[in-house]
Amino acid sequence: MSDEDNIVIASTYRLAAVSFWQSAKILYENRILTKGGHTSLTTVSPFYYLVSHACELFLKSALLKRGVTESDLKRQNVRHSLENLLKILESKDVDVSDTTKLVLLSLNGAHEKHDLRYNLLVSCNAFRLEASDIYSALEELLMTTRLRRD
């Protein structure tokens, strides 16, 4: 696979990530609240699924643009691990803020095990995250996907 092929795949991942992120925003803005003012389970799990998947795709896009191959990203311990994708990105001399690290590590467990995809979770480390921190992390990850010209 050529570098050009990696850029095409990276761009596709980036576009998909933006779509998941935008869908998550719509869901959050229209979330169902309980009588206690908390987000209902019917909208909380899908919201976190969408943002965690957007994180995965942004990380993979950034890595593809830094020479990591698609087959490297499909390795069992990497595929859906936000934590391991983050470690690889940092090994490419990309600085990631503490807030973004917190978001990724909070989402990692449920995302990596596909709990957000297949279960309606009652609780999850990620559920304590503020939407503003999640959006900040997604913005930062989006910026890591820019095509480098150096």
Protein backbone atom coordinates (compact mmCIF):
# COMPACT_ATOMS: atom_id res chain seq x y z
CA MET A 1 0.00 0.00 0.00
CA SER A 2 1.38 3.39 -0.97
CA ASP A 3 1.49 6.58 1.09
CA GLU A 4 -1.15 7.94 -1.25
CA ASP A 5 -3.45 5.00 -0.40
CA ASN A 6 -2.92 5.72 3.31
CA ILE A 7 -3.95 9.34 2.75
CA VAL A 8 -7.16 8.24 1.00
CA ILE A 9 -8.04 5.85 3.84
CA ALA A 10 -7.08 8.49 6.43
CA SER A 11 -9.32 11.04 4.74
CA THR A 12 -12.22 8.58 4.70
CA TYR A 13 -11.74 7.88 8.41
CA ARG A 14 -11.56 11.61 9.12
CA LEU A 15 -14.80 12.30 7.26
CA ALA A 16 -16.56 9.44 9.04
CA ALA A 17 -15.27 10.70 12.41
CA VAL A 18 -16.66 14.17 11.74
CA SER A 19 -20.03 12.60 10.81
CA PHE A 20 -20.14 10.58 14.05
CA TRP A 21 -19.16 13.68 16.05
CA GLN A 22 -21.83 15.83 14.42
CA SER A 23 -24.43 13.12 15.03
CA ALA A 24 -23.36 12.97 18.68
CA LYS A 25 -23.86 16.74 18.98
CA ILE A 26 -27.38 16.46 17.56
CA LEU A 27 -28.18 13.61 19.94
CA TYR A 28 -26.78 15.53 22.92
CA GLU A 29 -28.71 18.69 22.06
CA ASN A 30 -31.91 16.63 21.87
CA ARG A 31 -31.17 14.27 24.75
CA ILE A 32 -33.92 12.99 27.00
CA LEU A 33 -33.60 14.05 30.61
CA THR A 34 -34.85 12.17 33.65
CA LYS A 35 -36.96 13.86 36.32
CA GLY A 36 -33.70 14.38 38.23
CA GLY A 37 -32.20 16.28 35.29
CA HIS A 38 -29.76 13.55 34.24
CA THR A 39 -29.41 12.29 30.70
CA SER A 40 -31.59 9.23 30.19
CA LEU A 41 -29.98 5.90 29.38
CA THR A 42 -31.78 5.89 26.04
CA THR A 43 -29.54 8.72 24.87
CA VAL A 44 -26.42 8.49 27.03
CA SER A 45 -25.02 5.21 25.65
CA PRO A 46 -25.56 6.15 21.99
CA PHE A 47 -23.92 9.56 22.61
CA TYR A 48 -20.81 7.96 24.11
CA TYR A 49 -20.71 5.32 21.40
CA LEU A 50 -20.71 8.00 18.70
CA VAL A 51 -17.99 10.09 20.34
CA SER A 52 -15.80 7.08 21.16
CA HIS A 53 -16.02 5.85 17.60
CA ALA A 54 -15.17 9.35 16.33
CA CYS A 55 -12.10 9.31 18.61
CA GLU A 56 -10.99 5.96 17.21
CA LEU A 57 -11.35 7.15 13.63
CA PHE A 58 -9.53 10.44 14.26
CA LEU A 59 -6.66 8.56 15.94
CA LYS A 60 -6.42 6.11 13.05
CA SER A 61 -6.53 8.93 10.50
CA ALA A 62 -3.72 10.78 12.28
CA LEU A 63 -1.62 7.61 12.44
CA LEU A 64 -2.14 6.73 8.79
CA LYS A 65 -0.93 10.21 7.88
CA ARG A 66 2.20 9.54 9.91
CA GLY A 67 3.13 6.36 8.09
CA VAL A 68 1.40 3.73 10.23
CA THR A 69 -0.08 1.09 7.93
CA GLU A 70 -3.66 -0.05 7.88
CA SER A 71 -2.53 -3.58 8.75
CA ASP A 72 -0.75 -2.19 11.85
CA LEU A 73 -4.03 -0.59 12.89
CA LYS A 74 -5.86 -3.90 12.53
CA ARG A 75 -3.65 -5.73 15.04
CA GLN A 76 -5.71 -7.28 17.83
CA ASN A 77 -4.25 -5.14 20.62
CA VAL A 78 -4.65 -1.93 18.59
CA ARG A 79 -7.87 -2.12 16.52
CA HIS A 80 -10.36 -0.65 18.98
CA SER A 81 -8.04 0.37 21.81
CA LEU A 82 -8.13 4.12 22.23
CA GLU A 83 -5.37 3.77 24.81
CA ASN A 84 -3.00 1.90 22.46
CA LEU A 85 -3.82 4.13 19.51
CA LEU A 86 -2.99 7.11 21.73
CA LYS A 87 0.33 5.53 22.75
CA ILE A 88 1.27 5.01 19.11
CA LEU A 89 0.32 8.60 18.26
CA GLU A 90 2.45 9.90 21.12
CA SER A 91 5.34 7.73 19.91
CA LYS A 92 5.13 9.77 16.67
CA ASP A 93 6.02 12.90 18.71
CA VAL A 94 2.47 14.21 18.80
CA ASP A 95 1.68 16.02 22.03
CA VAL A 96 -1.79 15.32 23.39
CA SER A 97 -3.35 17.41 26.15
CA ASP A 98 -4.23 15.97 29.53
CA THR A 99 -7.93 16.59 28.87
CA THR A 100 -7.82 14.58 25.65
CA LYS A 101 -5.90 11.78 27.37
CA LEU A 102 -8.52 11.72 30.14
CA VAL A 103 -11.35 11.52 27.60
CA LEU A 104 -9.67 8.74 25.62
CA LEU A 105 -8.76 6.70 28.68
CA SER A 106 -12.25 7.13 30.18
CA LEU A 107 -13.87 5.93 26.97
CA ASN A 108 -11.35 3.15 26.32
CA GLY A 109 -12.69 0.32 28.47
CA ALA A 110 -16.27 0.38 27.21
CA HIS A 111 -15.19 1.16 23.65
CA GLU A 112 -12.55 -1.55 23.42
CA LYS A 113 -14.95 -4.21 24.75
CA HIS A 114 -17.77 -2.94 22.50
CA ASP A 115 -19.96 -2.34 25.56
CA LEU A 116 -21.23 0.94 24.13
CA ARG A 117 -22.14 -0.81 20.89
CA TYR A 118 -24.02 -3.78 22.29
CA ASN A 119 -25.21 -2.86 25.77
CA LEU A 120 -27.29 -0.15 27.33
CA LEU A 121 -24.86 0.69 30.12
CA VAL A 122 -26.06 1.88 33.49
CA SER A 123 -22.66 3.31 34.34
CA CYS A 124 -19.31 3.77 32.70
CA ASN A 125 -16.19 5.83 33.49
CA ALA A 126 -16.97 7.94 30.45
CA PHE A 127 -20.38 8.97 31.79
CA ARG A 128 -18.65 11.36 34.20
CA LEU A 129 -17.10 13.33 31.34
CA GLU A 130 -18.42 16.76 30.47
CA ALA A 131 -19.60 17.22 26.88
CA SER A 132 -17.37 20.30 26.62
CA ASP A 133 -14.29 18.19 27.47
CA ILE A 134 -15.31 15.56 24.94
CA TYR A 135 -15.79 18.18 22.23
CA SER A 136 -12.44 19.76 23.12
CA ALA A 137 -10.75 16.36 22.79
CA LEU A 138 -12.44 15.74 19.44
CA GLU A 139 -11.31 19.15 18.17
CA GLU A 140 -7.75 18.37 19.23
CA LEU A 141 -7.87 14.94 17.57
CA LEU A 142 -9.27 16.53 14.42
CA MET A 143 -6.25 18.83 14.31
CA THR A 144 -3.89 15.83 14.49
CA THR A 145 -5.38 14.57 11.21
CA ARG A 146 -4.17 17.53 9.16
CA LEU A 147 -1.94 16.51 6.28
CA ARG A 148 1.65 17.22 7.20
CA ARG A 149 3.84 18.81 4.56
CA ASP A 150 7.22 18.51 6.33
